[in-house]
Amino acid sequence: MTVERHFNFFEIKAYVSKYKCKNAKKALDWLAMYNSAMSEDNSNYNPHTQRPFSFWANLFPEISYINQ
């Protein structure tokens, strides 16, 4: 059984930034907007929270294409 890798916001950003493709550029732009919007709600948002890769891929499907 494969265990899904978990990333916090900073780790998923670093993971995506390794790729030099159009999908990665879109994903990084989206991640920046996501972090900016979520940071306004500092009572519920913690960028250090570990989330499974599927969480990030569900929020922004372009990330799932990078993983392939």
Protein backbone atom coordinates (compact mmCIF):
# COMPACT_ATOMS: atom_id res chain seq x y z
CA MET A 1 0.00 0.00 0.00
CA THR A 2 1.38 3.39 -1.00
CA VAL A 3 1.21 6.19 1.52
CA GLU A 4 0.36 9.56 0.04
CA ARG A 5 3.02 12.21 0.52
CA HIS A 6 2.04 15.26 2.58
CA PHE A 7 3.09 18.86 1.96
CA ASN A 8 2.58 22.12 3.76
CA PHE A 9 2.14 25.28 1.67
CA PHE A 10 5.88 26.03 1.52
CA GLU A 11 6.77 22.45 0.60
CA ILE A 12 4.20 22.20 -2.19
CA LYS A 13 5.42 25.54 -3.55
CA ALA A 14 9.03 24.29 -3.55
CA TYR A 15 7.97 20.98 -5.10
CA VAL A 16 6.09 22.68 -7.93
CA SER A 17 8.86 25.24 -8.51
CA LYS A 18 11.28 22.43 -9.47
CA TYR A 19 9.35 22.00 -12.71
CA LYS A 20 9.89 24.30 -15.67
CA CYS A 21 6.64 23.73 -17.52
CA LYS A 22 3.56 25.80 -18.26
CA ASN A 23 1.52 23.88 -15.70
CA ALA A 24 4.07 24.68 -13.00
CA LYS A 25 3.94 28.41 -13.78
CA LYS A 26 0.14 28.37 -13.54
CA ALA A 27 0.31 26.36 -10.33
CA LEU A 28 2.81 28.74 -8.71
CA ASP A 29 0.67 31.74 -9.65
CA TRP A 30 -2.36 30.03 -8.19
CA LEU A 31 -0.52 29.03 -5.01
CA ALA A 32 0.55 32.64 -4.47
CA MET A 33 -3.06 33.81 -4.81
CA TYR A 34 -4.29 30.99 -2.55
CA ASN A 35 -1.78 31.84 0.17
CA SER A 36 -2.57 35.55 -0.06
CA ALA A 37 -6.31 34.98 0.20
CA MET A 38 -6.04 32.41 2.99
CA SER A 39 -3.59 34.52 5.00
CA GLU A 40 -6.36 37.05 5.59
CA ASP A 41 -8.10 34.44 7.75
CA ASN A 42 -5.28 33.84 10.20
CA SER A 43 -7.63 32.20 12.72
CA ASN A 44 -8.16 29.17 10.45
CA TYR A 45 -5.19 29.14 8.07
CA ASN A 46 -1.79 27.80 8.99
CA PRO A 47 0.58 27.47 6.00
CA HIS A 48 2.64 24.93 7.98
CA THR A 49 -0.24 22.43 8.19
CA GLN A 50 0.66 19.20 6.41
CA ARG A 51 -1.89 18.15 3.79
CA PRO A 52 -1.91 15.20 1.38
CA PHE A 53 -0.92 15.78 -2.24
CA SER A 54 -4.51 15.03 -3.26
CA PHE A 55 -5.68 18.05 -1.22
CA TRP A 56 -3.49 20.36 -3.31
CA ALA A 57 -4.42 18.57 -6.54
CA ASN A 58 -8.14 18.92 -5.76
CA LEU A 59 -7.73 22.65 -5.17
CA PHE A 60 -5.77 23.14 -8.36
CA PRO A 61 -5.81 20.26 -10.89
CA GLU A 62 -2.77 21.61 -12.78
CA ILE A 63 -0.65 20.37 -9.87
CA SER A 64 -1.77 16.77 -10.45
CA TYR A 65 -0.43 16.89 -14.01
CA ILE A 66 3.00 17.85 -12.67
CA ASN A 67 3.07 14.75 -10.47
CA GLN A 68 2.74 12.43 -13.47
